Amino acid sequence: MSAATVSPRLRPPAGDRAAILDALRTAGYRLTAPRQALVDLLVGQGGQCFTAEDIYGQVRGVTPRLGRATVYRTIERLVELSLLERIHADGPCHSYVLGGASHHHHLICSVCGRVWEFPECALPQLLLDLSAQVGFSVEGHHVEVFGRCAACRSAA
């Protein structure tokens, strides 16, 4: 499934370089050239999920002086600022994807790692019903659907 054939309700996560840099500046971070190179790499990931180690390996090719700790700290700050989202994929490391502006869920290709956001959420009524049945107070939810995208299915 390519971005051109995605329904308007299914979209790859978007990243706005200016918004990310502005959020970092507002949060008190200096916008050094290495940090800007890191943001450029993050925005360049498009709809792919990635690990901090993936980004560290890529940024070392562009900005060799940028340390691993800076990459990890910056990624964590961007998660805190809701500009990146943690993906709970298989594997020992967290994966990330550029954050969405509103409540949404993810379709994740387990082969290529491509991610699509979908805003529909049929869970509120189910959660209310479950809450009433067991006396549970729901504070939030997170949905990630794993499978194979059209491109990976056709390549198999």
Protein backbone atom coordinates (compact mmCIF):
# COMPACT_ATOMS: atom_id res chain seq x y z
CA MET A 1 0.00 0.00 0.00
CA SER A 2 1.60 3.27 -1.02
CA ALA A 3 0.83 6.71 0.37
CA ALA A 4 -0.85 7.53 -2.97
CA THR A 5 -3.37 4.71 -2.55
CA VAL A 6 -4.06 5.19 1.15
CA SER A 7 -7.59 6.18 2.06
CA PRO A 8 -7.89 9.74 3.46
CA ARG A 9 -8.62 8.18 6.85
CA LEU A 10 -5.42 6.11 6.76
CA ARG A 11 -2.30 8.22 6.57
CA PRO A 12 1.38 7.86 7.25
CA PRO A 13 2.52 9.86 10.28
CA ALA A 14 3.64 13.35 9.35
CA GLY A 15 6.63 15.22 10.68
CA ASP A 16 7.02 18.97 10.55
CA ARG A 17 10.67 19.98 10.91
CA ALA A 18 9.83 23.55 11.94
CA ALA A 19 7.33 22.39 14.58
CA ILE A 20 9.81 19.92 16.05
CA LEU A 21 12.60 22.50 16.20
CA ASP A 22 10.24 25.07 17.70
CA ALA A 23 9.09 22.59 20.36
CA LEU A 24 12.70 21.81 21.29
CA ARG A 25 13.55 25.53 21.45
CA THR A 26 10.48 26.24 23.59
CA ALA A 27 11.46 23.37 25.91
CA GLY A 28 14.83 25.07 26.43
CA TYR A 29 17.05 23.03 24.11
CA ARG A 30 19.73 24.70 22.03
CA LEU A 31 19.27 24.09 18.33
CA THR A 32 22.80 23.03 17.57
CA ALA A 33 23.76 21.88 14.07
CA PRO A 34 24.03 18.23 15.25
CA ARG A 35 20.60 18.38 16.89
CA GLN A 36 19.12 19.89 13.70
CA ALA A 37 20.75 17.08 11.67
CA LEU A 38 19.11 14.59 14.05
CA VAL A 39 15.70 16.23 13.53
CA ASP A 40 16.22 16.12 9.76
CA LEU A 41 16.89 12.37 9.97
CA LEU A 42 13.79 11.84 12.12
CA VAL A 43 11.59 13.77 9.69
CA GLY A 44 13.16 11.84 6.82
CA GLN A 45 11.90 8.55 8.28
CA GLY A 46 8.42 9.40 6.99
CA GLY A 47 6.03 6.57 7.78
CA GLN A 48 8.72 4.10 8.87
CA CYS A 49 9.16 3.12 12.48
CA PHE A 50 12.74 3.23 13.75
CA THR A 51 14.79 2.59 16.87
CA ALA A 52 17.04 5.09 18.59
CA GLU A 53 19.97 2.92 17.57
CA ASP A 54 18.86 3.10 13.90
CA ILE A 55 18.89 6.89 14.11
CA TYR A 56 22.20 6.94 15.95
CA GLY A 57 23.78 4.85 13.18
CA GLN A 58 22.39 7.17 10.50
CA VAL A 59 23.31 10.40 12.24
CA ARG A 60 26.89 9.22 12.81
CA GLY A 61 27.31 9.19 9.03
CA VAL A 62 26.16 12.81 8.81
CA THR A 63 27.41 14.26 12.12
CA PRO A 64 30.12 12.00 13.59
CA ARG A 65 30.52 14.15 16.73
CA LEU A 66 26.92 13.66 17.84
CA GLY A 67 26.93 11.28 20.80
CA ARG A 68 24.62 8.37 21.49
CA ALA A 69 23.39 10.01 24.70
CA THR A 70 22.29 13.13 22.79
CA VAL A 71 20.34 10.98 20.31
CA TYR A 72 18.60 9.02 23.07
CA ARG A 73 17.88 12.13 25.19
CA THR A 74 16.51 14.04 22.21
CA ILE A 75 14.26 11.14 21.22
CA GLU A 76 12.93 10.89 24.79
CA ARG A 77 12.25 14.66 24.88
CA LEU A 78 10.38 14.41 21.58
CA VAL A 79 8.27 11.57 23.03
CA GLU A 80 7.52 13.73 26.09
CA LEU A 81 6.53 16.58 23.75
CA SER A 82 4.24 14.18 21.77
CA LEU A 83 6.25 14.73 18.59
CA LEU A 84 7.39 11.10 18.50
CA GLU A 85 5.39 8.09 19.61
CA ARG A 86 6.67 4.83 21.02
CA ILE A 87 5.63 1.79 19.03
CA HIS A 88 5.36 -1.43 20.99
CA ALA A 89 6.70 -3.69 18.28
CA ASP A 90 8.41 -7.02 18.76
CA GLY A 91 12.05 -6.89 19.70
CA PRO A 92 14.20 -5.81 22.59
CA CYS A 93 14.19 -2.08 21.78
CA HIS A 94 11.45 0.50 21.58
CA SER A 95 10.60 1.67 18.12
CA TYR A 96 9.36 5.15 17.36
CA VAL A 97 7.31 6.92 14.71
CA LEU A 98 6.64 10.60 14.13
CA GLY A 99 3.75 11.70 16.31
CA GLY A 100 0.26 12.59 15.24
CA ALA A 101 -1.62 15.68 16.31
CA SER A 102 -4.74 13.96 17.65
CA HIS A 103 -5.94 10.69 19.13
CA HIS A 104 -5.26 7.86 16.70
CA HIS A 105 -4.07 4.28 16.41
CA HIS A 106 -1.56 2.49 14.18
CA LEU A 107 -1.42 -0.17 11.51
CA ILE A 108 2.15 -1.50 11.44
CA CYS A 109 3.65 -3.73 8.77
CA SER A 110 5.58 -6.44 10.58
CA VAL A 111 7.84 -6.94 7.54
CA CYS A 112 8.90 -3.46 6.37
CA GLY A 113 8.00 -1.42 9.46
CA ARG A 114 5.78 1.05 7.61
CA VAL A 115 3.19 2.71 9.85
CA TRP A 116 -0.23 4.17 9.05
CA GLU A 117 -2.35 6.17 11.44
CA PHE A 118 -6.10 5.71 11.65
CA PRO A 119 -8.29 8.05 13.66
CA GLU A 120 -11.36 5.85 14.04
CA CYS A 121 -11.83 4.51 17.51
CA ALA A 122 -14.72 2.18 18.28
CA LEU A 123 -13.42 1.44 21.76
CA PRO A 124 -15.12 4.09 23.94
CA GLN A 125 -18.43 2.22 24.27
CA LEU A 126 -16.67 -1.12 24.79
CA LEU A 127 -14.47 0.45 27.46
CA LEU A 128 -17.50 1.97 29.20
CA ASP A 129 -19.23 -1.42 29.18
CA LEU A 130 -16.15 -3.20 30.52
CA SER A 131 -15.67 -0.52 33.16
CA ALA A 132 -19.23 -0.94 34.36
CA GLN A 133 -18.91 -4.74 34.47
CA VAL A 134 -15.78 -4.85 36.61
CA GLY A 135 -15.73 -1.43 38.29
CA PHE A 136 -12.63 -0.39 36.36
CA SER A 137 -11.72 3.24 35.75
CA VAL A 138 -10.20 3.54 32.27
CA GLU A 139 -7.52 6.21 32.00
CA GLY A 140 -6.56 5.66 28.38
CA HIS A 141 -5.89 3.09 25.70
CA HIS A 142 -3.41 2.31 22.98
CA VAL A 143 -4.09 0.25 19.83
CA GLU A 144 -1.51 -1.09 17.40
CA VAL A 145 -2.53 -3.53 14.69
CA PHE A 146 0.24 -5.67 13.18
CA GLY A 147 0.15 -7.36 9.80
CA ARG A 148 1.62 -7.19 6.30
CA CYS A 149 1.12 -4.26 3.95
CA ALA A 150 0.12 -4.82 0.33
CA ALA A 151 3.68 -4.35 -0.95
CA CYS A 152 5.12 -6.93 1.45
CA ARG A 153 2.29 -9.40 0.75
CA SER A 154 2.86 -9.15 -2.98
CA ALA A 155 6.65 -9.51 -2.57
CA ALA A 156 6.27 -12.75 -0.61
